[in-house]
């Protein structure tokens, strides 16, 4: 599977940041179960559940939501738009896109960011 290899990528700490759905009682539990089933129990400690992703400190946030708003008007991270069925029709977006996890483009994206940071 491609996703676990992302976690092993040299010099990069990866966390899964997700927003729980309040209207569903088991949303948080199901998110943790998904991570355990698809990525393994070692990745459970890499999960951050928050309704406000703007307060998370990091370099990149890869997310399928076009507009991420919250308490912090200038988050520390750069938003990379993950292509999904609900946003693929949008032609002009200000964010760089990541279309999938399988073609290796995520590695180029991370390597480019690491060069900028060094």
PDB file of N, CA and C in Angstrom:
ATOM      1  N   UNK A   1       0.838  -1.195   0.000  1.00  0.00           N
ATOM      2  CA  UNK A   1       0.000   0.000   0.000  1.00  0.00           C
ATOM      3  C   UNK A   1       0.879   1.254   0.000  1.00  0.00           C
ATOM      4  N   UNK A   2       0.454   2.271  -0.699  1.00  0.00           N
ATOM      5  CA  UNK A   2       1.231   3.499  -0.863  1.00  0.00           C
ATOM      6  C   UNK A   2       1.266   4.328   0.413  1.00  0.00           C
ATOM      7  N   UNK A   3       0.152   4.482   1.095  1.00  0.00           N
ATOM      8  CA  UNK A   3       0.105   5.380   2.251  1.00  0.00           C
ATOM      9  C   UNK A   3       1.135   5.060   3.329  1.00  0.00           C
ATOM     10  N   UNK A   4       1.318   3.805   3.734  1.00  0.00           N
ATOM     11  CA  UNK A   4       2.350   3.564   4.747  1.00  0.00           C
ATOM     12  C   UNK A   4       3.738   4.001   4.301  1.00  0.00           C
ATOM     13  N   UNK A   5       4.025   3.931   3.003  1.00  0.00           N
ATOM     14  CA  UNK A   5       5.345   4.370   2.550  1.00  0.00           C
ATOM     15  C   UNK A   5       5.532   5.864   2.754  1.00  0.00           C
ATOM     16  N   UNK A   6       4.462   6.622   2.759  1.00  0.00           N
ATOM     17  CA  UNK A   6       4.546   8.055   3.027  1.00  0.00           C
ATOM     18  C   UNK A   6       5.076   8.283   4.438  1.00  0.00           C
ATOM     19  N   UNK A   7       4.623   7.465   5.370  1.00  0.00           N
ATOM     20  CA  UNK A   7       5.051   7.617   6.754  1.00  0.00           C
ATOM     21  C   UNK A   7       6.523   7.270   6.930  1.00  0.00           C
ATOM     22  N   UNK A   8       7.055   6.466   6.042  1.00  0.00           N
ATOM     23  CA  UNK A   8       8.454   6.063   6.135  1.00  0.00           C
ATOM     24  C   UNK A   8       9.368   7.009   5.362  1.00  0.00           C
ATOM     25  N   UNK A   9       8.777   7.953   4.643  1.00  0.00           N
ATOM     26  CA  UNK A   9       9.558   8.869   3.807  1.00  0.00           C
ATOM     27  C   UNK A   9      10.576   9.603   4.676  1.00  0.00           C
ATOM     28  N   UNK A  10      11.809   9.599   4.257  1.00  0.00           N
ATOM     29  CA  UNK A  10      12.903  10.158   5.055  1.00  0.00           C
ATOM     30  C   UNK A  10      12.704  11.640   5.373  1.00  0.00           C
ATOM     31  N   UNK A  11      12.999  12.010   6.602  1.00  0.00           N
ATOM     32  CA  UNK A  11      13.000  13.398   7.098  1.00  0.00           C
ATOM     33  C   UNK A  11      11.620  14.043   7.154  1.00  0.00           C
ATOM     34  N   UNK A  12      10.571  13.280   7.139  1.00  0.00           N
ATOM     35  CA  UNK A  12       9.229  13.860   7.149  1.00  0.00           C
ATOM     36  C   UNK A  12       8.392  13.185   8.233  1.00  0.00           C
ATOM     37  N   UNK A  13       7.799  14.000   9.100  1.00  0.00           N
ATOM     38  CA  UNK A  13       6.829  13.490  10.066  1.00  0.00           C
ATOM     39  C   UNK A  13       5.447  13.724   9.488  1.00  0.00           C
ATOM     40  N   UNK A  14       4.677  12.663   9.375  1.00  0.00           N
ATOM     41  CA  UNK A  14       3.340  12.751   8.794  1.00  0.00           C
ATOM     42  C   UNK A  14       2.311  12.459   9.872  1.00  0.00           C
ATOM     43  N   UNK A  15       1.291  13.308   9.931  1.00  0.00           N
ATOM     44  CA  UNK A  15       0.167  13.101  10.834  1.00  0.00           C
ATOM     45  C   UNK A  15      -1.109  13.116  10.014  1.00  0.00           C
ATOM     46  N   UNK A  16      -2.096  12.380  10.456  1.00  0.00           N
ATOM     47  CA  UNK A  16      -3.407  12.382   9.818  1.00  0.00           C
ATOM     48  C   UNK A  16      -4.297  13.321  10.611  1.00  0.00           C
ATOM     49  N   UNK A  17      -4.713  14.395   9.993  1.00  0.00           N
ATOM     50  CA  UNK A  17      -5.549  15.394  10.651  1.00  0.00           C
ATOM     51  C   UNK A  17      -6.939  15.317  10.041  1.00  0.00           C
ATOM     52  N   UNK A  18      -7.924  15.042  10.856  1.00  0.00           N
ATOM     53  CA  UNK A  18      -9.277  14.852  10.352  1.00  0.00           C
ATOM     54  C   UNK A  18     -10.282  15.547  11.260  1.00  0.00           C
ATOM     55  N   UNK A  19     -11.377  15.959  10.653  1.00  0.00           N
ATOM     56  CA  UNK A  19     -12.445  16.624  11.414  1.00  0.00           C
ATOM     57  C   UNK A  19     -13.565  15.631  11.690  1.00  0.00           C
ATOM     58  N   UNK A  20     -13.851  15.370  12.959  1.00  0.00           N
ATOM     59  CA  UNK A  20     -14.961  14.466  13.269  1.00  0.00           C
ATOM     60  C   UNK A  20     -16.301  15.131  12.968  1.00  0.00           C
ATOM     61  N   UNK A  21     -17.244  14.333  12.580  1.00  0.00           N
ATOM     62  CA  UNK A  21     -18.597  14.827  12.310  1.00  0.00           C
ATOM     63  C   UNK A  21     -19.406  14.742  13.596  1.00  0.00           C
ATOM     64  N   UNK A  22     -19.825  15.882  14.112  1.00  0.00           N
ATOM     65  CA  UNK A  22     -20.545  15.894  15.380  1.00  0.00           C
ATOM     66  C   UNK A  22     -21.908  15.220  15.308  1.00  0.00           C
ATOM     67  N   UNK A  23     -22.547  15.261  14.142  1.00  0.00           N
ATOM     68  CA  UNK A  23     -23.890  14.699  14.055  1.00  0.00           C
ATOM     69  C   UNK A  23     -23.893  13.164  14.048  1.00  0.00           C
ATOM     70  N   UNK A  24     -22.703  12.559  13.956  1.00  0.00           N
ATOM     71  CA  UNK A  24     -22.620  11.102  13.973  1.00  0.00           C
ATOM     72  C   UNK A  24     -21.867  10.660  15.217  1.00  0.00           C
ATOM     73  N   UNK A  25     -22.532   9.910  16.045  1.00  0.00           N
ATOM     74  CA  UNK A  25     -22.004   9.512  17.349  1.00  0.00           C
ATOM     75  C   UNK A  25     -20.679   8.752  17.248  1.00  0.00           C
ATOM     76  N   UNK A  26     -20.518   7.958  16.204  1.00  0.00           N
ATOM     77  CA  UNK A  26     -19.349   7.085  16.121  1.00  0.00           C
ATOM     78  C   UNK A  26     -18.284   7.572  15.141  1.00  0.00           C
ATOM     79  N   UNK A  27     -18.380   8.804  14.697  1.00  0.00           N
ATOM     80  CA  UNK A  27     -17.457   9.332  13.690  1.00  0.00           C
ATOM     81  C   UNK A  27     -15.993   9.201  14.113  1.00  0.00           C
ATOM     82  N   UNK A  28     -15.657   9.655  15.296  1.00  0.00           N
ATOM     83  CA  UNK A  28     -14.262   9.602  15.755  1.00  0.00           C
ATOM     84  C   UNK A  28     -13.781   8.156  15.862  1.00  0.00           C
ATOM     85  N   UNK A  29     -14.597   7.313  16.441  1.00  0.00           N
ATOM     86  CA  UNK A  29     -14.245   5.898  16.588  1.00  0.00           C
ATOM     87  C   UNK A  29     -14.003   5.262  15.227  1.00  0.00           C
ATOM     88  N   UNK A  30     -14.868   5.558  14.262  1.00  0.00           N
ATOM     89  CA  UNK A  30     -14.729   4.983  12.928  1.00  0.00           C
ATOM     90  C   UNK A  30     -13.474   5.485  12.219  1.00  0.00           C
ATOM     91  N   UNK A  31     -13.096   6.726  12.458  1.00  0.00           N
ATOM     92  CA  UNK A  31     -11.866   7.246  11.852  1.00  0.00           C
ATOM     93  C   UNK A  31     -10.646   6.497  12.395  1.00  0.00           C
ATOM     94  N   UNK A  32     -10.602   6.268  13.702  1.00  0.00           N
ATOM     95  CA  UNK A  32      -9.494   5.518  14.286  1.00  0.00           C
ATOM     96  C   UNK A  32      -9.484   4.072  13.789  1.00  0.00           C
ATOM     97  N   UNK A  33     -10.651   3.461  13.661  1.00  0.00           N
ATOM     98  CA  UNK A  33     -10.733   2.093  13.150  1.00  0.00           C
ATOM     99  C   UNK A  33     -10.232   2.016  11.713  1.00  0.00           C
ATOM    100  N   UNK A  34     -10.579   3.018  10.900  1.00  0.00           N
ATOM    101  CA  UNK A  34     -10.118   3.034   9.511  1.00  0.00           C
ATOM    102  C   UNK A  34      -8.597   3.083   9.469  1.00  0.00           C
ATOM    103  N   UNK A  35      -8.001   3.954  10.269  1.00  0.00           N
ATOM    104  CA  UNK A  35      -6.539   4.075  10.300  1.00  0.00           C
ATOM    105  C   UNK A  35      -5.917   2.752  10.724  1.00  0.00           C
ATOM    106  N   UNK A  36      -6.443   2.154  11.766  1.00  0.00           N
ATOM    107  CA  UNK A  36      -5.885   0.885  12.239  1.00  0.00           C
ATOM    108  C   UNK A  36      -6.012  -0.206  11.179  1.00  0.00           C
ATOM    109  N   UNK A  37      -7.160  -0.285  10.507  1.00  0.00           N
ATOM    110  CA  UNK A  37      -7.389  -1.320   9.495  1.00  0.00           C
ATOM    111  C   UNK A  37      -6.567  -1.112   8.229  1.00  0.00           C
ATOM    112  N   UNK A  38      -6.368   0.132   7.822  1.00  0.00           N
ATOM    113  CA  UNK A  38      -5.693   0.402   6.553  1.00  0.00           C
ATOM    114  C   UNK A  38      -4.210   0.737   6.692  1.00  0.00           C
ATOM    115  N   UNK A  39      -3.812   1.286   7.821  1.00  0.00           N
ATOM    116  CA  UNK A  39      -2.424   1.701   8.003  1.00  0.00           C
ATOM    117  C   UNK A  39      -1.714   0.949   9.117  1.00  0.00           C
ATOM    118  N   UNK A  40      -2.478   0.294   9.964  1.00  0.00           N
ATOM    119  CA  UNK A  40      -1.891  -0.474  11.050  1.00  0.00           C
ATOM    120  C   UNK A  40      -1.954   0.257  12.382  1.00  0.00           C
ATOM    121  N   UNK A  41      -1.836  -0.487  13.475  1.00  0.00           N
ATOM    122  CA  UNK A  41      -1.971   0.095  14.813  1.00  0.00           C
ATOM    123  C   UNK A  41      -0.894   1.123  15.155  1.00  0.00           C
ATOM    124  N   UNK A  42       0.264   1.050  14.522  1.00  0.00           N
ATOM    125  CA  UNK A  42       1.328   2.026  14.808  1.00  0.00           C
ATOM    126  C   UNK A  42       0.956   3.437  14.392  1.00  0.00           C
ATOM    127  N   UNK A  43      -0.002   3.582  13.491  1.00  0.00           N
ATOM    128  CA  UNK A  43      -0.373   4.904  12.998  1.00  0.00           C
ATOM    129  C   UNK A  43      -1.460   5.578  13.822  1.00  0.00           C
ATOM    130  N   UNK A  44      -2.018   4.865  14.779  1.00  0.00           N
ATOM    131  CA  UNK A  44      -3.061   5.447  15.634  1.00  0.00           C
ATOM    132  C   UNK A  44      -2.537   6.696  16.347  1.00  0.00           C
ATOM    133  N   UNK A  45      -1.289   6.658  16.792  1.00  0.00           N
ATOM    134  CA  UNK A  45      -0.702   7.812  17.490  1.00  0.00           C
ATOM    135  C   UNK A  45      -0.426   8.994  16.568  1.00  0.00           C
ATOM    136  N   UNK A  46      -0.594   8.808  15.273  1.00  0.00           N
ATOM    137  CA  UNK A  46      -0.370   9.874  14.293  1.00  0.00           C
ATOM    138  C   UNK A  46      -1.675  10.557  13.887  1.00  0.00           C
ATOM    139  N   UNK A  47      -2.770  10.234  14.556  1.00  0.00           N
ATOM    140  CA  UNK A  47      -4.080  10.804  14.220  1.00  0.00           C
ATOM    141  C   UNK A  47      -4.363  12.008  15.113  1.00  0.00           C
ATOM    142  N   UNK A  48      -4.763  13.103  14.476  1.00  0.00           N
ATOM    143  CA  UNK A  48      -5.194  14.307  15.193  1.00  0.00           C
ATOM    144  C   UNK A  48      -6.619  14.600  14.745  1.00  0.00           C
ATOM    145  N   UNK A  49      -7.552  14.567  15.668  1.00  0.00           N
ATOM    146  CA  UNK A  49      -8.935  14.925  15.357  1.00  0.00           C
ATOM    147  C   UNK A  49      -9.194  16.333  15.870  1.00  0.00           C
ATOM    148  N   UNK A  50      -9.615  17.202  14.979  1.00  0.00           N
ATOM    149  CA  UNK A  50      -9.905  18.583  15.358  1.00  0.00           C
ATOM    150  C   UNK A  50     -10.925  19.168  14.405  1.00  0.00           C
ATOM    151  N   UNK A  51     -11.766  20.031  14.918  1.00  0.00           N
ATOM    152  CA  UNK A  51     -12.719  20.740  14.059  1.00  0.00           C
ATOM    153  C   UNK A  51     -12.047  21.936  13.386  1.00  0.00           C
ATOM    154  N   UNK A  52     -10.882  22.347  13.879  1.00  0.00           N
ATOM    155  CA  UNK A  52     -10.190  23.519  13.350  1.00  0.00           C
ATOM    156  C   UNK A  52      -8.766  23.146  12.945  1.00  0.00           C
ATOM    157  N   UNK A  53      -8.560  22.869  11.675  1.00  0.00           N
ATOM    158  CA  UNK A  53      -7.239  22.476  11.184  1.00  0.00           C
ATOM    159  C   UNK A  53      -6.274  23.653  11.098  1.00  0.00           C
ATOM    160  N   UNK A  54      -6.786  24.876  11.175  1.00  0.00           N
ATOM    161  CA  UNK A  54      -5.902  26.047  11.076  1.00  0.00           C
ATOM    162  C   UNK A  54      -4.974  26.176  12.278  1.00  0.00           C
ATOM    163  N   UNK A  55      -5.316  25.566  13.396  1.00  0.00           N
ATOM    164  CA  UNK A  55      -4.477  25.673  14.595  1.00  0.00           C
ATOM    165  C   UNK A  55      -3.359  24.630  14.632  1.00  0.00           C
ATOM    166  N   UNK A  56      -3.356  23.726  13.671  1.00  0.00           N
ATOM    167  CA  UNK A  56      -2.329  22.688  13.613  1.00  0.00           C
ATOM    168  C   UNK A  56      -1.051  23.274  13.009  1.00  0.00           C
ATOM    169  N   UNK A  57       0.074  23.011  13.659  1.00  0.00           N
ATOM    170  CA  UNK A  57       1.368  23.499  13.192  1.00  0.00           C
ATOM    171  C   UNK A  57       1.972  22.480  12.229  1.00  0.00           C
ATOM    172  N   UNK A  58       2.396  22.938  11.055  1.00  0.00           N
ATOM    173  CA  UNK A  58       3.017  22.047  10.082  1.00  0.00           C
ATOM    174  C   UNK A  58       3.432  22.803   8.842  1.00  0.00           C
ATOM    175  N   UNK A  59       3.998  22.085   7.895  1.00  0.00           N
ATOM    176  CA  UNK A  59       4.444  22.702   6.644  1.00  0.00           C
ATOM    177  C   UNK A  59       3.426  22.527   5.527  1.00  0.00           C
ATOM    178  N   UNK A  60       2.777  21.362   5.472  1.00  0.00           N
ATOM    179  CA  UNK A  60       1.798  21.075   4.426  1.00  0.00           C
ATOM    180  C   UNK A  60       0.535  20.493   5.039  1.00  0.00           C
ATOM    181  N   UNK A  61      -0.588  20.861   4.477  1.00  0.00           N
ATOM    182  CA  UNK A  61      -1.853  20.212   4.805  1.00  0.00           C
ATOM    183  C   UNK A  61      -2.443  19.761   3.478  1.00  0.00           C
ATOM    184  N   UNK A  62      -2.525  18.457   3.292  1.00  0.00           N
ATOM    185  CA  UNK A  62      -3.122  17.903   2.079  1.00  0.00           C
ATOM    186  C   UNK A  62      -4.552  17.548   2.437  1.00  0.00           C
ATOM    187  N   UNK A  63      -5.503  18.239   1.804  1.00  0.00           N
ATOM    188  CA  UNK A  63      -6.909  18.121   2.192  1.00  0.00           C
ATOM    189  C   UNK A  63      -7.793  18.276   0.964  1.00  0.00           C
ATOM    190  N   UNK A  64      -8.914  17.567   0.950  1.00  0.00           N
ATOM    191  CA  UNK A  64      -9.827  17.654  -0.196  1.00  0.00           C
ATOM    192  C   UNK A  64     -10.820  18.807  -0.081  1.00  0.00           C
ATOM    193  N   UNK A  65     -10.799  19.477   1.021  1.00  0.00           N
ATOM    194  CA  UNK A  65     -11.692  20.629   1.189  1.00  0.00           C
ATOM    195  C   UNK A  65     -11.022  21.876   0.602  1.00  0.00           C
ATOM    196  N   UNK A  66     -11.747  22.609  -0.215  1.00  0.00           N
ATOM    197  CA  UNK A  66     -11.178  23.768  -0.896  1.00  0.00           C
ATOM    198  C   UNK A  66     -10.866  24.912   0.064  1.00  0.00           C
ATOM    199  N   UNK A  67     -11.820  25.259   0.908  1.00  0.00           N
ATOM    200  CA  UNK A  67     -11.640  26.367   1.848  1.00  0.00           C
ATOM    201  C   UNK A  67     -11.570  25.832   3.264  1.00  0.00           C
ATOM    202  N   UNK A  68     -10.426  26.002   3.877  1.00  0.00           N
ATOM    203  CA  UNK A  68     -10.252  25.575   5.263  1.00  0.00           C
ATOM    204  C   UNK A  68     -10.146  26.827   6.105  1.00  0.00           C
ATOM    205  N   UNK A  69     -11.129  27.012   6.958  1.00  0.00           N
ATOM    206  CA  UNK A  69     -11.196  28.216   7.785  1.00  0.00           C
ATOM    207  C   UNK A  69     -11.234  27.827   9.248  1.00  0.00           C
ATOM    208  N   UNK A  70     -10.759  28.756  10.073  1.00  0.00           N
ATOM    209  CA  UNK A  70     -10.775  28.519  11.500  1.00  0.00           C
ATOM    210  C   UNK A  70     -10.266  29.727  12.247  1.00  0.00           C
ATOM    211  N   UNK A  71      -9.835  29.498  13.469  1.00  0.00           N
ATOM    212  CA  UNK A  71      -9.399  30.582  14.352  1.00  0.00           C
ATOM    213  C   UNK A  71      -8.144  31.282  13.837  1.00  0.00           C
ATOM    214  N   UNK A  72      -7.256  30.545  13.214  1.00  0.00           N
ATOM    215  CA  UNK A  72      -6.003  31.117  12.716  1.00  0.00           C
ATOM    216  C   UNK A  72      -6.191  31.570  11.267  1.00  0.00           C
ATOM    217  N   UNK A  73      -6.058  32.862  11.040  1.00  0.00           N
ATOM    218  CA  UNK A  73      -6.267  33.387   9.687  1.00  0.00           C
ATOM    219  C   UNK A  73      -5.072  33.138   8.770  1.00  0.00           C
ATOM    220  N   UNK A  74      -3.899  32.887   9.352  1.00  0.00           N
ATOM    221  CA  UNK A  74      -2.706  32.578   8.564  1.00  0.00           C
ATOM    222  C   UNK A  74      -2.034  31.327   9.131  1.00  0.00           C
ATOM    223  N   UNK A  75      -2.547  30.144   8.768  1.00  0.00           N
ATOM    224  CA  UNK A  75      -1.957  28.902   9.285  1.00  0.00           C
ATOM    225  C   UNK A  75      -0.492  28.769   8.872  1.00  0.00           C
ATOM    226  N   UNK A  76       0.244  27.954   9.603  1.00  0.00           N
ATOM    227  CA  UNK A  76       1.661  27.751   9.304  1.00  0.00           C
ATOM    228  C   UNK A  76       1.862  26.880   8.072  1.00  0.00           C
ATOM    229  N   UNK A  77       0.863  26.112   7.705  1.00  0.00           N
ATOM    230  CA  UNK A  77       1.004  25.163   6.605  1.00  0.00           C
ATOM    231  C   UNK A  77       0.545  25.747   5.269  1.00  0.00           C
ATOM    232  N   UNK A  78       1.057  25.128   4.202  1.00  0.00           N
ATOM    233  CA  UNK A  78       0.594  25.419   2.847  1.00  0.00           C
ATOM    234  C   UNK A  78      -0.457  24.369   2.502  1.00  0.00           C
ATOM    235  N   UNK A  79      -1.582  24.803   1.988  1.00  0.00           N
ATOM    236  CA  UNK A  79      -2.674  23.894   1.656  1.00  0.00           C
ATOM    237  C   UNK A  79      -2.459  23.305   0.266  1.00  0.00           C
ATOM    238  N   UNK A  80      -2.422  21.987   0.195  1.00  0.00           N
ATOM    239  CA  UNK A  80      -2.385  21.257  -1.070  1.00  0.00           C
ATOM    240  C   UNK A  80      -3.766  20.625  -1.224  1.00  0.00           C
ATOM    241  N   UNK A  81      -4.425  20.896  -2.332  1.00  0.00           N
ATOM    242  CA  UNK A  81      -5.777  20.383  -2.546  1.00  0.00           C
ATOM    243  C   UNK A  81      -5.714  18.961  -3.086  1.00  0.00           C
ATOM    244  N   UNK A  82      -6.244  18.016  -2.316  1.00  0.00           N
ATOM    245  CA  UNK A  82      -6.342  16.627  -2.761  1.00  0.00           C
ATOM    246  C   UNK A  82      -7.567  16.513  -3.648  1.00  0.00           C
ATOM    247  N   UNK A  83      -7.366  16.081  -4.865  1.00  0.00           N
ATOM    248  CA  UNK A  83      -8.480  15.957  -5.795  1.00  0.00           C
ATOM    249  C   UNK A  83      -9.449  14.888  -5.310  1.00  0.00           C
ATOM    250  N   UNK A  84     -10.727  15.234  -5.329  1.00  0.00           N
ATOM    251  CA  UNK A  84     -11.800  14.325  -4.929  1.00  0.00           C
ATOM    252  C   UNK A  84     -12.999  14.587  -5.835  1.00  0.00           C
ATOM    253  N   UNK A  85     -13.987  13.708  -5.771  1.00  0.00           N
ATOM    254  CA  UNK A  85     -15.144  13.838  -6.667  1.00  0.00           C
ATOM    255  C   UNK A  85     -15.847  15.185  -6.517  1.00  0.00           C
ATOM    256  N   UNK A  86     -15.854  15.758  -5.329  1.00  0.00           N
ATOM    257  CA  UNK A  86     -16.569  17.017  -5.111  1.00  0.00           C
ATOM    258  C   UNK A  86     -15.766  18.260  -5.496  1.00  0.00           C
ATOM    259  N   UNK A  87     -14.483  18.115  -5.852  1.00  0.00           N
ATOM    260  CA  UNK A  87     -13.708  19.300  -6.239  1.00  0.00           C
ATOM    261  C   UNK A  87     -12.989  19.167  -7.582  1.00  0.00           C
ATOM    262  N   UNK A  88     -13.085  18.009  -8.224  1.00  0.00           N
ATOM    263  CA  UNK A  88     -12.318  17.804  -9.460  1.00  0.00           C
ATOM    264  C   UNK A  88     -12.788  18.678 -10.614  1.00  0.00           C
ATOM    265  N   UNK A  89     -14.025  19.151 -10.566  1.00  0.00           N
ATOM    266  CA  UNK A  89     -14.555  20.007 -11.633  1.00  0.00           C
ATOM    267  C   UNK A  89     -14.041  21.446 -11.532  1.00  0.00           C
ATOM    268  N   UNK A  90     -13.472  21.822 -10.409  1.00  0.00           N
ATOM    269  CA  UNK A  90     -12.984  23.188 -10.211  1.00  0.00           C
ATOM    270  C   UNK A  90     -11.659  23.364 -10.938  1.00  0.00           C
ATOM    271  N   UNK A  91     -11.673  24.187 -11.959  1.00  0.00           N
ATOM    272  CA  UNK A  91     -10.484  24.362 -12.799  1.00  0.00           C
ATOM    273  C   UNK A  91      -9.484  25.341 -12.201  1.00  0.00           C
ATOM    274  N   UNK A  92      -9.975  26.442 -11.676  1.00  0.00           N
ATOM    275  CA  UNK A  92      -9.074  27.474 -11.154  1.00  0.00           C
ATOM    276  C   UNK A  92      -9.094  27.462  -9.635  1.00  0.00           C
ATOM    277  N   UNK A  93      -8.087  26.885  -9.094  1.00  0.00           N
ATOM    278  CA  UNK A  93      -7.935  26.897  -7.638  1.00  0.00           C
ATOM    279  C   UNK A  93      -6.556  27.466  -7.336  1.00  0.00           C
ATOM    280  N   UNK A  94      -6.449  28.142  -6.202  1.00  0.00           N
ATOM    281  CA  UNK A  94      -5.160  28.765  -5.858  1.00  0.00           C
ATOM    282  C   UNK A  94      -4.157  27.751  -5.317  1.00  0.00           C
ATOM    283  N   UNK A  95      -4.652  26.627  -4.829  1.00  0.00           N
ATOM    284  CA  UNK A  95      -3.779  25.618  -4.254  1.00  0.00           C
ATOM    285  C   UNK A  95      -3.194  24.712  -5.343  1.00  0.00           C
ATOM    286  N   UNK A  96      -2.020  24.195  -5.054  1.00  0.00           N
ATOM    287  CA  UNK A  96      -1.493  23.128  -5.894  1.00  0.00           C
ATOM    288  C   UNK A  96      -2.357  21.904  -5.637  1.00  0.00           C
ATOM    289  N   UNK A  97      -2.517  21.069  -6.641  1.00  0.00           N
ATOM    290  CA  UNK A  97      -3.322  19.857  -6.497  1.00  0.00           C
ATOM    291  C   UNK A  97      -2.446  18.617  -6.369  1.00  0.00           C
ATOM    292  N   UNK A  98      -2.993  17.658  -5.651  1.00  0.00           N
ATOM    293  CA  UNK A  98      -2.441  16.313  -5.617  1.00  0.00           C
ATOM    294  C   UNK A  98      -3.582  15.410  -6.057  1.00  0.00           C
ATOM    295  N   UNK A  99      -3.407  14.713  -7.173  1.00  0.00           N
ATOM    296  CA  UNK A  99      -4.507  13.939  -7.744  1.00  0.00           C
ATOM    297  C   UNK A  99      -4.643  12.541  -7.166  1.00  0.00           C
ATOM    298  N   UNK A 100      -3.554  11.952  -6.692  1.00  0.00           N
ATOM    299  CA  UNK A 100      -3.627  10.588  -6.162  1.00  0.00           C
ATOM    300  C   UNK A 100      -2.376  10.296  -5.344  1.00  0.00           C
ATOM    301  N   UNK A 101      -2.382   9.140  -4.707  1.00  0.00           N
ATOM    302  CA  UNK A 101      -1.224   8.707  -3.915  1.00  0.00           C
ATOM    303  C   UNK A 101      -0.402   7.663  -4.660  1.00  0.00           C
ATOM    304  N   UNK A 102      -0.779   7.317  -5.892  1.00  0.00           N
ATOM    305  CA  UNK A 102      -0.169   6.168  -6.552  1.00  0.00           C
ATOM    306  C   UNK A 102       0.867   6.498  -7.616  1.00  0.00           C
ATOM    307  N   UNK A 103       0.882   7.710  -8.152  1.00  0.00           N
ATOM    308  CA  UNK A 103       1.790   8.004  -9.264  1.00  0.00           C
ATOM    309  C   UNK A 103       3.133   8.587  -8.822  1.00  0.00           C
ATOM    310  N   UNK A 104       3.366   8.715  -7.528  1.00  0.00           N
ATOM    311  CA  UNK A 104       4.638   9.230  -7.030  1.00  0.00           C
ATOM    312  C   UNK A 104       4.740  10.745  -6.974  1.00  0.00           C
ATOM    313  N   UNK A 105       3.701  11.449  -7.412  1.00  0.00           N
ATOM    314  CA  UNK A 105       3.762  12.917  -7.405  1.00  0.00           C
ATOM    315  C   UNK A 105       3.846  13.476  -5.988  1.00  0.00           C
ATOM    316  N   UNK A 106       3.341  12.744  -5.005  1.00  0.00           N
ATOM    317  CA  UNK A 106       3.431  13.210  -3.623  1.00  0.00           C
ATOM    318  C   UNK A 106       4.893  13.295  -3.186  1.00  0.00           C
ATOM    319  N   UNK A 107       5.729  12.373  -3.689  1.00  0.00           N
ATOM    320  CA  UNK A 107       7.145  12.407  -3.314  1.00  0.00           C
ATOM    321  C   UNK A 107       7.824  13.661  -3.865  1.00  0.00           C
ATOM    322  N   UNK A 108       7.526  14.000  -5.106  1.00  0.00           N
ATOM    323  CA  UNK A 108       8.081  15.210  -5.710  1.00  0.00           C
ATOM    324  C   UNK A 108       7.629  16.438  -4.941  1.00  0.00           C
ATOM    325  N   UNK A 109       6.365  16.464  -4.582  1.00  0.00           N
ATOM    326  CA  UNK A 109       5.800  17.585  -3.833  1.00  0.00           C
ATOM    327  C   UNK A 109       6.548  17.775  -2.511  1.00  0.00           C
ATOM    328  N   UNK A 110       6.766  16.695  -1.785  1.00  0.00           N
ATOM    329  CA  UNK A 110       7.450  16.774  -0.494  1.00  0.00           C
ATOM    330  C   UNK A 110       8.923  17.134  -0.679  1.00  0.00           C
ATOM    331  N   UNK A 111       9.570  16.546  -1.669  1.00  0.00           N
ATOM    332  CA  UNK A 111      10.975  16.880  -1.926  1.00  0.00           C
ATOM    333  C   UNK A 111      11.138  18.360  -2.257  1.00  0.00           C
ATOM    334  N   UNK A 112      10.234  18.909  -3.057  1.00  0.00           N
ATOM    335  CA  UNK A 112      10.283  20.342  -3.383  1.00  0.00           C
ATOM    336  C   UNK A 112      10.143  21.198  -2.135  1.00  0.00           C
ATOM    337  N   UNK A 113       9.235  20.827  -1.235  1.00  0.00           N
ATOM    338  CA  UNK A 113       9.040  21.593  -0.005  1.00  0.00           C
ATOM    339  C   UNK A 113      10.255  21.492   0.900  1.00  0.00           C
ATOM    340  N   UNK A 114      10.870  20.317   0.962  1.00  0.00           N
ATOM    341  CA  UNK A 114      12.074  20.151   1.778  1.00  0.00           C
ATOM    342  C   UNK A 114      13.209  21.036   1.268  1.00  0.00           C
ATOM    343  N   UNK A 115      13.341  21.151  -0.043  1.00  0.00           N
ATOM    344  CA  UNK A 115      14.373  22.028  -0.621  1.00  0.00           C
ATOM    345  C   UNK A 115      14.129  23.479  -0.230  1.00  0.00           C
ATOM    346  N   UNK A 116      12.859  23.887  -0.243  1.00  0.00           N
ATOM    347  CA  UNK A 116      12.527  25.269   0.133  1.00  0.00           C
ATOM    348  C   UNK A 116      12.839  25.551   1.596  1.00  0.00           C
ATOM    349  N   UNK A 117      12.684  24.540   2.432  1.00  0.00           N
ATOM    350  CA  UNK A 117      12.890  24.716   3.871  1.00  0.00           C
ATOM    351  C   UNK A 117      14.364  24.698   4.267  1.00  0.00           C
ATOM    352  N   UNK A 118      15.201  24.106   3.433  1.00  0.00           N
ATOM    353  CA  UNK A 118      16.618  23.986   3.822  1.00  0.00           C
ATOM    354  C   UNK A 118      17.449  25.171   3.395  1.00  0.00           C
TER     355      UNK A 118
END
